[in-house]
Amino acid sequence: MTDDQDEVQKPGTVSGRSYSRTRPRGFAAWKPRADSALLIEMVQEVIAEHVEFGAMTKRQIFYRLVGKHGYPKTEASYDRLLELLARAQRARLVPMSAIRDDGPVALYNSGGYEGPAQWWESLRSQAEHYQHDPCDGQPVTVELWVESAGMTQMVGRIAEDFGVNVFSSGGFESLTAKYQAACRIAYADRPTQVLSVGDHDPSGLSMLDAAAEDVVAFVAELGGEPPAFARLAVTPAQVRRYRLETAPQKERDKRGAHMATTVQAEALAPEELAQVVRAGLEKALDKRALARARRRTESERAEIMQAIDRLGIGEL
């Protein structure tokens, strides 16, 4: 086996690793004990009382339970609630749509324009950046899952030219995020190919395996075609090829079999990362369809600009 060849993966998981024990995946029947059933009833009541405000965070539900139902205000009680909510959602006792996850959210006001001239100028700018859908004619929908949220922008700049969406899979520890991904994939009009970029360590690989198993299970429940998965980075072959910096596995990380060395995705130089991602996208996509879409971009953009020029838009 050469350094340019990755090890053959074992069946069952994306990474090829095996695990001695896993949590339920997808929707799973569950008959809670009496005390858990009572807590779920209180959760359902809290959600029903605030349904007009949309989905609630788990922390909001926790404080409503504390304030109205006398639920213990301790970290242990909060951890128990989180575990119970996940089981209840999988058992369809609590709707997936009723709970949203904490995370960075930005809501921007669209603002306005200084006057009609600025609006016409913005219209010309949009025309100058017109792009025909790069995915037009593709037999598959490709998604890029990047473990590190900080790397999504860099990877996104490469993926943009291919019309491929990038998602931070680090957030896929959330059950809601995995279910949303499953809905997106199940209702797509084409089969989905997921390409993954993440750390070569037990944490990163087990996170990917768990997300993949959950998403596949949910997609099947929703009647969709399960996605295919492929690991773009970091792979053992890349560790050797690029002579990446390694570190021993953390002693407290017991997920799966022991790994002699681990590697962070950030160890790949930007140009190496770009090369790996670009090559992966070119392999996954139909090159001829992509070339046709790019040619249409040029001709359609020229057509639009000619119309803009005839109207004098942006030059008023």
C-alpha atoms as a PDB file:
ATOM      1  CA  MET A   1       0.000   0.000   0.000  1.00  0.00           C
ATOM      2  CA  THR A   2       1.438   3.377  -1.011  1.00  0.00           C
ATOM      3  CA  ASP A   3       1.160   6.622   0.939  1.00  0.00           C
ATOM      4  CA  ASP A   4      -1.390   7.831  -1.615  1.00  0.00           C
ATOM      5  CA  GLN A   5      -3.745   4.993  -0.738  1.00  0.00           C
ATOM      6  CA  ASP A   6      -5.965   5.072   2.322  1.00  0.00           C
ATOM      7  CA  GLU A   7      -6.502   1.966   4.388  1.00  0.00           C
ATOM      8  CA  VAL A   8      -9.536  -0.112   3.459  1.00  0.00           C
ATOM      9  CA  GLN A   9     -12.331   0.778   5.872  1.00  0.00           C
ATOM     10  CA  LYS A  10     -14.167  -1.860   7.822  1.00  0.00           C
ATOM     11  CA  PRO A  11     -17.896  -2.074   7.140  1.00  0.00           C
ATOM     12  CA  GLY A  12     -20.400  -0.552   9.562  1.00  0.00           C
ATOM     13  CA  THR A  13     -19.048   2.929  10.228  1.00  0.00           C
ATOM     14  CA  VAL A  14     -17.747   5.799   8.122  1.00  0.00           C
ATOM     15  CA  SER A  15     -14.375   5.798   9.847  1.00  0.00           C
ATOM     16  CA  GLY A  16     -14.034   2.005   9.870  1.00  0.00           C
ATOM     17  CA  ARG A  17     -13.736   1.998  13.667  1.00  0.00           C
ATOM     18  CA  SER A  18     -15.787  -0.293  15.893  1.00  0.00           C
ATOM     19  CA  TYR A  19     -17.439   0.575  19.196  1.00  0.00           C
ATOM     20  CA  SER A  20     -18.420  -1.674  22.054  1.00  0.00           C
ATOM     21  CA  ARG A  21     -21.547   0.289  22.920  1.00  0.00           C
ATOM     22  CA  THR A  22     -23.668   2.930  21.183  1.00  0.00           C
ATOM     23  CA  ARG A  23     -26.736   4.989  22.018  1.00  0.00           C
ATOM     24  CA  PRO A  24     -30.044   4.545  20.157  1.00  0.00           C
ATOM     25  CA  ARG A  25     -29.995   5.895  16.586  1.00  0.00           C
ATOM     26  CA  GLY A  26     -32.863   7.570  14.754  1.00  0.00           C
ATOM     27  CA  PHE A  27     -36.346   7.203  16.156  1.00  0.00           C
ATOM     28  CA  ALA A  28     -36.468   4.568  18.889  1.00  0.00           C
ATOM     29  CA  ALA A  29     -39.366   3.147  20.873  1.00  0.00           C
ATOM     30  CA  TRP A  30     -39.092   3.809  24.590  1.00  0.00           C
ATOM     31  CA  LYS A  31     -41.274   3.070  27.592  1.00  0.00           C
ATOM     32  CA  PRO A  32     -40.152   5.475  30.342  1.00  0.00           C
ATOM     33  CA  ARG A  33     -40.354   4.642  34.017  1.00  0.00           C
ATOM     34  CA  ALA A  34     -43.090   6.321  36.038  1.00  0.00           C
ATOM     35  CA  ASP A  35     -40.877   9.172  37.285  1.00  0.00           C
ATOM     36  CA  SER A  36     -39.536   9.848  33.796  1.00  0.00           C
ATOM     37  CA  ALA A  37     -43.037   9.701  32.309  1.00  0.00           C
ATOM     38  CA  LEU A  38     -44.191  12.302  34.827  1.00  0.00           C
ATOM     39  CA  LEU A  39     -41.283  14.583  33.927  1.00  0.00           C
ATOM     40  CA  ILE A  40     -42.094  14.216  30.241  1.00  0.00           C
ATOM     41  CA  GLU A  41     -45.698  15.222  30.937  1.00  0.00           C
ATOM     42  CA  MET A  42     -44.412  18.381  32.642  1.00  0.00           C
ATOM     43  CA  VAL A  43     -42.147  19.095  29.648  1.00  0.00           C
ATOM     44  CA  GLN A  44     -45.079  18.661  27.268  1.00  0.00           C
ATOM     45  CA  GLU A  45     -47.105  21.084  29.377  1.00  0.00           C
ATOM     46  CA  VAL A  46     -44.327  23.684  29.347  1.00  0.00           C
ATOM     47  CA  ILE A  47     -43.958  23.417  25.568  1.00  0.00           C
ATOM     48  CA  ALA A  48     -47.727  23.658  25.014  1.00  0.00           C
ATOM     49  CA  GLU A  49     -47.954  26.781  27.193  1.00  0.00           C
ATOM     50  CA  HIS A  50     -45.305  28.590  25.142  1.00  0.00           C
ATOM     51  CA  VAL A  51     -46.022  27.235  21.663  1.00  0.00           C
ATOM     52  CA  GLU A  52     -46.896  30.716  20.308  1.00  0.00           C
ATOM     53  CA  PHE A  53     -43.275  31.779  20.871  1.00  0.00           C
ATOM     54  CA  GLY A  54     -41.797  28.971  18.789  1.00  0.00           C
ATOM     55  CA  ALA A  55     -39.191  26.398  19.740  1.00  0.00           C
ATOM     56  CA  MET A  56     -37.636  26.607  23.210  1.00  0.00           C
ATOM     57  CA  THR A  57     -34.074  25.874  24.231  1.00  0.00           C
ATOM     58  CA  LYS A  58     -33.426  23.038  26.648  1.00  0.00           C
ATOM     59  CA  ARG A  59     -32.228  25.553  29.224  1.00  0.00           C
ATOM     60  CA  GLN A  60     -35.511  27.482  28.913  1.00  0.00           C
ATOM     61  CA  ILE A  61     -37.485  24.291  29.492  1.00  0.00           C
ATOM     62  CA  PHE A  62     -35.299  23.547  32.508  1.00  0.00           C
ATOM     63  CA  TYR A  63     -35.996  26.914  34.149  1.00  0.00           C
ATOM     64  CA  ARG A  64     -39.736  26.657  33.430  1.00  0.00           C
ATOM     65  CA  LEU A  65     -39.734  23.271  35.160  1.00  0.00           C
ATOM     66  CA  VAL A  66     -37.823  24.714  38.114  1.00  0.00           C
ATOM     67  CA  GLY A  67     -40.092  27.738  38.432  1.00  0.00           C
ATOM     68  CA  LYS A  68     -43.475  26.112  37.918  1.00  0.00           C
ATOM     69  CA  HIS A  69     -43.041  22.474  38.846  1.00  0.00           C
ATOM     70  CA  GLY A  70     -40.362  22.624  41.534  1.00  0.00           C
ATOM     71  CA  TYR A  71     -37.840  20.635  39.502  1.00  0.00           C
ATOM     72  CA  PRO A  72     -34.447  20.584  41.286  1.00  0.00           C
ATOM     73  CA  LYS A  73     -32.141  23.402  40.186  1.00  0.00           C
ATOM     74  CA  THR A  74     -28.916  21.393  40.027  1.00  0.00           C
ATOM     75  CA  GLU A  75     -26.479  20.486  37.260  1.00  0.00           C
ATOM     76  CA  ALA A  76     -27.236  16.815  37.835  1.00  0.00           C
ATOM     77  CA  SER A  77     -30.943  17.487  37.323  1.00  0.00           C
ATOM     78  CA  TYR A  78     -30.203  19.472  34.179  1.00  0.00           C
ATOM     79  CA  ASP A  79     -28.044  16.645  32.814  1.00  0.00           C
ATOM     80  CA  ARG A  80     -30.848  14.180  33.551  1.00  0.00           C
ATOM     81  CA  LEU A  81     -33.307  16.423  31.705  1.00  0.00           C
ATOM     82  CA  LEU A  82     -31.040  16.593  28.643  1.00  0.00           C
ATOM     83  CA  GLU A  83     -30.802  12.792  28.518  1.00  0.00           C
ATOM     84  CA  LEU A  84     -34.544  12.412  28.946  1.00  0.00           C
ATOM     85  CA  LEU A  85     -35.367  15.008  26.266  1.00  0.00           C
ATOM     86  CA  ALA A  86     -33.211  13.179  23.746  1.00  0.00           C
ATOM     87  CA  ARG A  87     -34.944   9.863  24.479  1.00  0.00           C
ATOM     88  CA  ALA A  88     -38.362  11.541  24.375  1.00  0.00           C
ATOM     89  CA  GLN A  89     -37.650  13.127  20.993  1.00  0.00           C
ATOM     90  CA  ARG A  90     -36.448   9.811  19.575  1.00  0.00           C
ATOM     91  CA  ALA A  91     -39.628   8.163  20.911  1.00  0.00           C
ATOM     92  CA  ARG A  92     -41.763  10.953  19.347  1.00  0.00           C
ATOM     93  CA  LEU A  93     -43.058  11.949  22.780  1.00  0.00           C
ATOM     94  CA  VAL A  94     -41.676  15.455  22.228  1.00  0.00           C
ATOM     95  CA  PRO A  95     -41.647  16.920  18.679  1.00  0.00           C
ATOM     96  CA  MET A  96     -38.246  17.604  17.142  1.00  0.00           C
ATOM     97  CA  SER A  97     -39.501  21.055  16.147  1.00  0.00           C
ATOM     98  CA  ALA A  98     -40.345  21.997  19.737  1.00  0.00           C
ATOM     99  CA  ILE A  99     -36.717  22.298  20.878  1.00  0.00           C
ATOM    100  CA  ARG A 100     -33.924  24.401  19.420  1.00  0.00           C
ATOM    101  CA  ASP A 101     -30.271  24.189  20.329  1.00  0.00           C
ATOM    102  CA  ASP A 102     -28.080  26.866  21.842  1.00  0.00           C
ATOM    103  CA  GLY A 103     -25.410  28.265  19.566  1.00  0.00           C
ATOM    104  CA  PRO A 104     -24.242  31.450  17.890  1.00  0.00           C
ATOM    105  CA  VAL A 105     -27.111  33.100  16.026  1.00  0.00           C
ATOM    106  CA  ALA A 106     -26.922  36.409  14.191  1.00  0.00           C
ATOM    107  CA  LEU A 107     -30.012  38.299  13.106  1.00  0.00           C
ATOM    108  CA  TYR A 108     -29.233  41.186  10.782  1.00  0.00           C
ATOM    109  CA  ASN A 109     -31.539  44.035   9.843  1.00  0.00           C
ATOM    110  CA  SER A 110     -31.606  44.325   6.064  1.00  0.00           C
ATOM    111  CA  GLY A 111     -31.443  48.104   6.403  1.00  0.00           C
ATOM    112  CA  GLY A 112     -32.342  50.174   3.378  1.00  0.00           C
ATOM    113  CA  TYR A 113     -30.922  52.365   0.636  1.00  0.00           C
ATOM    114  CA  GLU A 114     -29.850  55.979   0.521  1.00  0.00           C
ATOM    115  CA  GLY A 115     -32.058  56.428  -2.510  1.00  0.00           C
ATOM    116  CA  PRO A 116     -33.114  54.899  -5.850  1.00  0.00           C
ATOM    117  CA  ALA A 117     -29.647  55.414  -7.342  1.00  0.00           C
ATOM    118  CA  GLN A 118     -28.071  53.155  -4.717  1.00  0.00           C
ATOM    119  CA  TRP A 119     -30.708  50.496  -5.317  1.00  0.00           C
ATOM    120  CA  TRP A 120     -30.060  50.549  -9.076  1.00  0.00           C
ATOM    121  CA  GLU A 121     -26.325  50.292  -8.353  1.00  0.00           C
ATOM    122  CA  SER A 122     -26.914  47.241  -6.175  1.00  0.00           C
ATOM    123  CA  LEU A 123     -28.921  45.669  -8.978  1.00  0.00           C
ATOM    124  CA  ARG A 124     -25.999  46.121 -11.365  1.00  0.00           C
ATOM    125  CA  SER A 125     -23.656  44.589  -8.802  1.00  0.00           C
ATOM    126  CA  GLN A 126     -25.915  41.520  -8.503  1.00  0.00           C
ATOM    127  CA  ALA A 127     -25.912  41.171 -12.285  1.00  0.00           C
ATOM    128  CA  GLU A 128     -22.103  41.336 -12.380  1.00  0.00           C
ATOM    129  CA  HIS A 129     -21.949  38.424  -9.936  1.00  0.00           C
ATOM    130  CA  TYR A 130     -24.690  36.335 -11.561  1.00  0.00           C
ATOM    131  CA  GLN A 131     -24.059  32.595 -11.459  1.00  0.00           C
ATOM    132  CA  HIS A 132     -25.995  29.773 -13.057  1.00  0.00           C
ATOM    133  CA  ASP A 133     -26.702  27.033 -10.512  1.00  0.00           C
ATOM    134  CA  PRO A 134     -23.478  24.944 -10.470  1.00  0.00           C
ATOM    135  CA  CYS A 135     -25.533  21.910  -9.389  1.00  0.00           C
ATOM    136  CA  ASP A 136     -27.694  21.993 -12.521  1.00  0.00           C
ATOM    137  CA  GLY A 137     -27.515  18.552 -14.139  1.00  0.00           C
ATOM    138  CA  GLN A 138     -25.656  16.897 -11.273  1.00  0.00           C
ATOM    139  CA  PRO A 139     -26.774  13.343 -10.441  1.00  0.00           C
ATOM    140  CA  VAL A 140     -26.078  13.837  -6.721  1.00  0.00           C
ATOM    141  CA  THR A 141     -26.249  16.542  -4.100  1.00  0.00           C
ATOM    142  CA  VAL A 142     -22.925  16.930  -2.308  1.00  0.00           C
ATOM    143  CA  GLU A 143     -22.570  18.267   1.233  1.00  0.00           C
ATOM    144  CA  LEU A 144     -19.338  19.067   3.052  1.00  0.00           C
ATOM    145  CA  TRP A 145     -19.315  18.428   6.791  1.00  0.00           C
ATOM    146  CA  VAL A 146     -16.478  20.213   8.589  1.00  0.00           C
ATOM    147  CA  GLU A 147     -15.889  19.338  12.229  1.00  0.00           C
ATOM    148  CA  SER A 148     -14.325  22.681  13.171  1.00  0.00           C
ATOM    149  CA  ALA A 149     -16.678  25.647  12.812  1.00  0.00           C
ATOM    150  CA  GLY A 150     -13.631  27.881  12.414  1.00  0.00           C
ATOM    151  CA  MET A 151     -12.623  26.058   9.219  1.00  0.00           C
ATOM    152  CA  THR A 152     -16.002  26.260   7.487  1.00  0.00           C
ATOM    153  CA  GLN A 153     -15.319  29.654   5.934  1.00  0.00           C
ATOM    154  CA  MET A 154     -12.023  28.519   4.380  1.00  0.00           C
ATOM    155  CA  VAL A 155     -13.570  25.308   3.068  1.00  0.00           C
ATOM    156  CA  GLY A 156     -16.648  27.229   1.945  1.00  0.00           C
ATOM    157  CA  ARG A 157     -14.574  29.442  -0.352  1.00  0.00           C
ATOM    158  CA  ILE A 158     -13.480  26.332  -2.225  1.00  0.00           C
ATOM    159  CA  ALA A 159     -16.904  24.685  -2.203  1.00  0.00           C
ATOM    160  CA  GLU A 160     -18.691  27.807  -3.453  1.00  0.00           C
ATOM    161  CA  ASP A 161     -17.321  27.362  -6.964  1.00  0.00           C
ATOM    162  CA  PHE A 162     -18.860  23.875  -7.034  1.00  0.00           C
ATOM    163  CA  GLY A 163     -22.249  24.921  -5.650  1.00  0.00           C
ATOM    164  CA  VAL A 164     -21.696  22.755  -2.575  1.00  0.00           C
ATOM    165  CA  ASN A 165     -23.026  23.693   0.864  1.00  0.00           C
ATOM    166  CA  VAL A 166     -20.795  23.429   3.928  1.00  0.00           C
ATOM    167  CA  PHE A 167     -22.016  22.522   7.411  1.00  0.00           C
ATOM    168  CA  SER A 168     -20.201  22.499  10.736  1.00  0.00           C
ATOM    169  CA  SER A 169     -20.563  18.879  11.799  1.00  0.00           C
ATOM    170  CA  GLY A 170     -19.200  19.732  15.251  1.00  0.00           C
ATOM    171  CA  GLY A 171     -22.745  20.876  15.983  1.00  0.00           C
ATOM    172  CA  PHE A 172     -24.063  17.431  15.045  1.00  0.00           C
ATOM    173  CA  GLU A 173     -23.678  16.296  18.622  1.00  0.00           C
ATOM    174  CA  SER A 174     -27.119  17.904  18.836  1.00  0.00           C
ATOM    175  CA  LEU A 175     -30.029  15.569  18.103  1.00  0.00           C
ATOM    176  CA  THR A 176     -32.010  18.438  16.569  1.00  0.00           C
ATOM    177  CA  ALA A 177     -29.183  19.287  14.159  1.00  0.00           C
ATOM    178  CA  LYS A 178     -28.916  15.663  13.049  1.00  0.00           C
ATOM    179  CA  TYR A 179     -32.660  15.459  12.479  1.00  0.00           C
ATOM    180  CA  GLN A 180     -32.607  18.694  10.462  1.00  0.00           C
ATOM    181  CA  ALA A 181     -29.801  17.267   8.325  1.00  0.00           C
ATOM    182  CA  ALA A 182     -31.854  14.108   7.800  1.00  0.00           C
ATOM    183  CA  CYS A 183     -34.882  16.140   6.680  1.00  0.00           C
ATOM    184  CA  ARG A 184     -32.718  18.086   4.247  1.00  0.00           C
ATOM    185  CA  ILE A 185     -31.305  14.868   2.790  1.00  0.00           C
ATOM    186  CA  ALA A 186     -34.553  12.877   2.793  1.00  0.00           C
ATOM    187  CA  TYR A 187     -36.475  15.560   0.900  1.00  0.00           C
ATOM    188  CA  ALA A 188     -33.737  16.348  -1.628  1.00  0.00           C
ATOM    189  CA  ASP A 189     -34.582  15.576  -5.252  1.00  0.00           C
ATOM    190  CA  ARG A 190     -31.283  13.717  -5.740  1.00  0.00           C
ATOM    191  CA  PRO A 191     -29.213  11.228  -3.742  1.00  0.00           C
ATOM    192  CA  THR A 192     -26.816  12.869  -1.301  1.00  0.00           C
ATOM    193  CA  GLN A 193     -23.073  12.349  -0.949  1.00  0.00           C
ATOM    194  CA  VAL A 194     -21.565  13.620   2.311  1.00  0.00           C
ATOM    195  CA  LEU A 195     -17.856  14.461   2.376  1.00  0.00           C
ATOM    196  CA  SER A 196     -16.286  14.905   5.801  1.00  0.00           C
ATOM    197  CA  VAL A 197     -13.345  16.975   7.050  1.00  0.00           C
ATOM    198  CA  GLY A 198     -12.317  16.521  10.661  1.00  0.00           C
ATOM    199  CA  ASP A 199      -9.718  15.500  13.214  1.00  0.00           C
ATOM    200  CA  HIS A 200      -8.112  12.079  13.053  1.00  0.00           C
ATOM    201  CA  ASP A 201      -8.774  11.201  16.678  1.00  0.00           C
ATOM    202  CA  PRO A 202     -11.352   9.187  18.654  1.00  0.00           C
ATOM    203  CA  SER A 203     -13.477  12.254  19.332  1.00  0.00           C
ATOM    204  CA  GLY A 204     -13.707  13.440  15.733  1.00  0.00           C
ATOM    205  CA  LEU A 205     -14.207   9.982  14.245  1.00  0.00           C
ATOM    206  CA  SER A 206     -16.792   8.823  16.774  1.00  0.00           C
ATOM    207  CA  MET A 207     -18.694  12.108  16.321  1.00  0.00           C
ATOM    208  CA  LEU A 208     -18.816  11.491  12.569  1.00  0.00           C
ATOM    209  CA  ASP A 209     -19.837   7.852  12.993  1.00  0.00           C
ATOM    210  CA  ALA A 210     -22.604   8.736  15.458  1.00  0.00           C
ATOM    211  CA  ALA A 211     -23.919  11.550  13.240  1.00  0.00           C
ATOM    212  CA  ALA A 212     -23.858   9.326  10.155  1.00  0.00           C
ATOM    213  CA  GLU A 213     -25.694   6.493  11.900  1.00  0.00           C
ATOM    214  CA  ASP A 214     -28.331   8.852  13.284  1.00  0.00           C
ATOM    215  CA  VAL A 215     -28.859  10.707  10.014  1.00  0.00           C
ATOM    216  CA  VAL A 216     -29.144   7.453   8.033  1.00  0.00           C
ATOM    217  CA  ALA A 217     -31.682   6.105  10.541  1.00  0.00           C
ATOM    218  CA  PHE A 218     -33.768   9.281  10.444  1.00  0.00           C
ATOM    219  CA  VAL A 219     -33.636   9.466   6.628  1.00  0.00           C
ATOM    220  CA  ALA A 220     -34.931   5.894   6.435  1.00  0.00           C
ATOM    221  CA  GLU A 221     -37.785   6.762   8.801  1.00  0.00           C
ATOM    222  CA  LEU A 222     -38.632   9.781   6.622  1.00  0.00           C
ATOM    223  CA  GLY A 223     -38.765   7.597   3.514  1.00  0.00           C
ATOM    224  CA  GLY A 224     -35.703   9.085   1.834  1.00  0.00           C
ATOM    225  CA  GLU A 225     -32.632   7.546   0.245  1.00  0.00           C
ATOM    226  CA  PRO A 226     -29.796   7.167   2.775  1.00  0.00           C
ATOM    227  CA  PRO A 227     -26.756   9.335   2.012  1.00  0.00           C
ATOM    228  CA  ALA A 228     -23.328   7.981   1.137  1.00  0.00           C
ATOM    229  CA  PHE A 229     -20.370   9.083   3.265  1.00  0.00           C
ATOM    230  CA  ALA A 230     -16.701   9.559   2.474  1.00  0.00           C
ATOM    231  CA  ARG A 231     -13.877  10.882   4.641  1.00  0.00           C
ATOM    232  CA  LEU A 232     -11.866  13.611   2.891  1.00  0.00           C
ATOM    233  CA  ALA A 233      -9.578  14.544   5.758  1.00  0.00           C
ATOM    234  CA  VAL A 234      -7.764  13.780   7.906  1.00  0.00           C
ATOM    235  CA  THR A 235      -6.869  10.241   6.792  1.00  0.00           C
ATOM    236  CA  PRO A 236      -3.890   8.076   7.804  1.00  0.00           C
ATOM    237  CA  ALA A 237      -2.511   8.360   4.266  1.00  0.00           C
ATOM    238  CA  GLN A 238      -2.563  12.166   4.495  1.00  0.00           C
ATOM    239  CA  VAL A 239      -0.772  12.046   7.834  1.00  0.00           C
ATOM    240  CA  ARG A 240       2.099  10.277   6.093  1.00  0.00           C
ATOM    241  CA  ARG A 241       1.921  12.149   2.805  1.00  0.00           C
ATOM    242  CA  TYR A 242       2.028  15.625   4.346  1.00  0.00           C
ATOM    243  CA  ARG A 243       4.102  14.604   7.389  1.00  0.00           C
ATOM    244  CA  LEU A 244       1.492  16.099   9.711  1.00  0.00           C
ATOM    245  CA  GLU A 245       2.173  16.807  13.365  1.00  0.00           C
ATOM    246  CA  THR A 246       0.817  14.052  15.592  1.00  0.00           C
ATOM    247  CA  ALA A 247      -0.019  13.691  19.269  1.00  0.00           C
ATOM    248  CA  PRO A 248      -0.775  10.675  21.462  1.00  0.00           C
ATOM    249  CA  GLN A 249      -4.385   9.832  22.196  1.00  0.00           C
ATOM    250  CA  LYS A 250      -5.710  11.485  25.345  1.00  0.00           C
ATOM    251  CA  GLU A 251      -5.859   8.977  28.172  1.00  0.00           C
ATOM    252  CA  ARG A 252      -9.397   9.953  29.145  1.00  0.00           C
ATOM    253  CA  ASP A 253     -10.739   9.355  25.619  1.00  0.00           C
ATOM    254  CA  LYS A 254     -11.911   5.734  25.564  1.00  0.00           C
ATOM    255  CA  ARG A 255     -14.099   5.817  22.435  1.00  0.00           C
ATOM    256  CA  GLY A 256     -13.337   2.835  20.217  1.00  0.00           C
ATOM    257  CA  ALA A 257      -9.999   1.075  19.877  1.00  0.00           C
ATOM    258  CA  HIS A 258      -6.854   2.891  20.981  1.00  0.00           C
ATOM    259  CA  MET A 259      -5.120   5.102  18.396  1.00  0.00           C
ATOM    260  CA  ALA A 260      -1.348   5.359  18.588  1.00  0.00           C
ATOM    261  CA  THR A 261      -1.348   8.872  17.110  1.00  0.00           C
ATOM    262  CA  THR A 262      -3.948  11.578  16.565  1.00  0.00           C
ATOM    263  CA  VAL A 263      -3.923  14.560  14.202  1.00  0.00           C
ATOM    264  CA  GLN A 264      -5.904  17.795  14.179  1.00  0.00           C
ATOM    265  CA  ALA A 265      -7.460  18.900  10.896  1.00  0.00           C
ATOM    266  CA  GLU A 266      -5.777  22.292  11.371  1.00  0.00           C
ATOM    267  CA  ALA A 267      -2.438  20.532  10.948  1.00  0.00           C
ATOM    268  CA  LEU A 268      -3.124  20.520   7.213  1.00  0.00           C
ATOM    269  CA  ALA A 269      -1.685  23.670   5.623  1.00  0.00           C
ATOM    270  CA  PRO A 270      -4.336  25.804   3.871  1.00  0.00           C
ATOM    271  CA  GLU A 271      -2.984  24.870   0.445  1.00  0.00           C
ATOM    272  CA  GLU A 272      -3.034  21.167   1.401  1.00  0.00           C
ATOM    273  CA  LEU A 273      -6.588  21.466   2.693  1.00  0.00           C
ATOM    274  CA  ALA A 274      -7.659  23.246  -0.498  1.00  0.00           C
ATOM    275  CA  GLN A 275      -6.042  20.534  -2.623  1.00  0.00           C
ATOM    276  CA  VAL A 276      -7.779  17.748  -0.703  1.00  0.00           C
ATOM    277  CA  VAL A 277     -11.207  19.416  -0.750  1.00  0.00           C
ATOM    278  CA  ARG A 278     -11.010  20.418  -4.410  1.00  0.00           C
ATOM    279  CA  ALA A 279      -9.946  16.914  -5.438  1.00  0.00           C
ATOM    280  CA  GLY A 280     -12.745  15.371  -3.393  1.00  0.00           C
ATOM    281  CA  LEU A 281     -15.377  17.615  -4.947  1.00  0.00           C
ATOM    282  CA  GLU A 282     -14.121  16.996  -8.471  1.00  0.00           C
ATOM    283  CA  LYS A 283     -14.315  13.250  -7.845  1.00  0.00           C
ATOM    284  CA  ALA A 284     -17.819  13.392  -6.370  1.00  0.00           C
ATOM    285  CA  LEU A 285     -19.346  15.672  -9.023  1.00  0.00           C
ATOM    286  CA  ASP A 286     -20.016  15.225 -12.730  1.00  0.00           C
ATOM    287  CA  LYS A 287     -17.319  17.346 -14.378  1.00  0.00           C
ATOM    288  CA  ARG A 288     -19.175  17.700 -17.656  1.00  0.00           C
ATOM    289  CA  ALA A 289     -22.332  18.958 -15.950  1.00  0.00           C
ATOM    290  CA  LEU A 290     -20.224  21.382 -13.918  1.00  0.00           C
ATOM    291  CA  ALA A 291     -18.507  22.671 -17.066  1.00  0.00           C
ATOM    292  CA  ARG A 292     -21.880  23.185 -18.772  1.00  0.00           C
ATOM    293  CA  ALA A 293     -23.155  25.156 -15.786  1.00  0.00           C
ATOM    294  CA  ARG A 294     -20.054  27.356 -15.813  1.00  0.00           C
ATOM    295  CA  ARG A 295     -20.434  28.041 -19.538  1.00  0.00           C
ATOM    296  CA  ARG A 296     -24.064  28.992 -18.981  1.00  0.00           C
ATOM    297  CA  THR A 297     -22.958  31.355 -16.222  1.00  0.00           C
ATOM    298  CA  GLU A 298     -20.756  33.248 -18.676  1.00  0.00           C
ATOM    299  CA  SER A 299     -23.336  33.483 -21.465  1.00  0.00           C
ATOM    300  CA  GLU A 300     -26.281  34.309 -19.187  1.00  0.00           C
ATOM    301  CA  ARG A 301     -24.284  36.899 -17.255  1.00  0.00           C
ATOM    302  CA  ALA A 302     -23.334  38.594 -20.540  1.00  0.00           C
ATOM    303  CA  GLU A 303     -26.994  38.588 -21.601  1.00  0.00           C
ATOM    304  CA  ILE A 304     -28.083  40.166 -18.322  1.00  0.00           C
ATOM    305  CA  MET A 305     -25.335  42.796 -18.442  1.00  0.00           C
ATOM    306  CA  GLN A 306     -26.350  43.788 -21.963  1.00  0.00           C
ATOM    307  CA  ALA A 307     -29.905  44.366 -20.734  1.00  0.00           C
ATOM    308  CA  ILE A 308     -28.587  46.323 -17.745  1.00  0.00           C
ATOM    309  CA  ASP A 309     -26.482  48.503 -20.040  1.00  0.00           C
ATOM    310  CA  ARG A 310     -29.396  49.160 -22.401  1.00  0.00           C
ATOM    311  CA  LEU A 311     -31.475  50.385 -19.462  1.00  0.00           C
ATOM    312  CA  GLY A 312     -28.603  52.395 -18.031  1.00  0.00           C
ATOM    313  CA  ILE A 313     -29.087  50.756 -14.655  1.00  0.00           C
ATOM    314  CA  GLY A 314     -26.498  51.791 -12.108  1.00  0.00           C
ATOM    315  CA  GLU A 315     -25.530  54.803 -14.136  1.00  0.00           C
ATOM    316  CA  LEU A 316     -28.525  57.012 -13.295  1.00  0.00           C
END
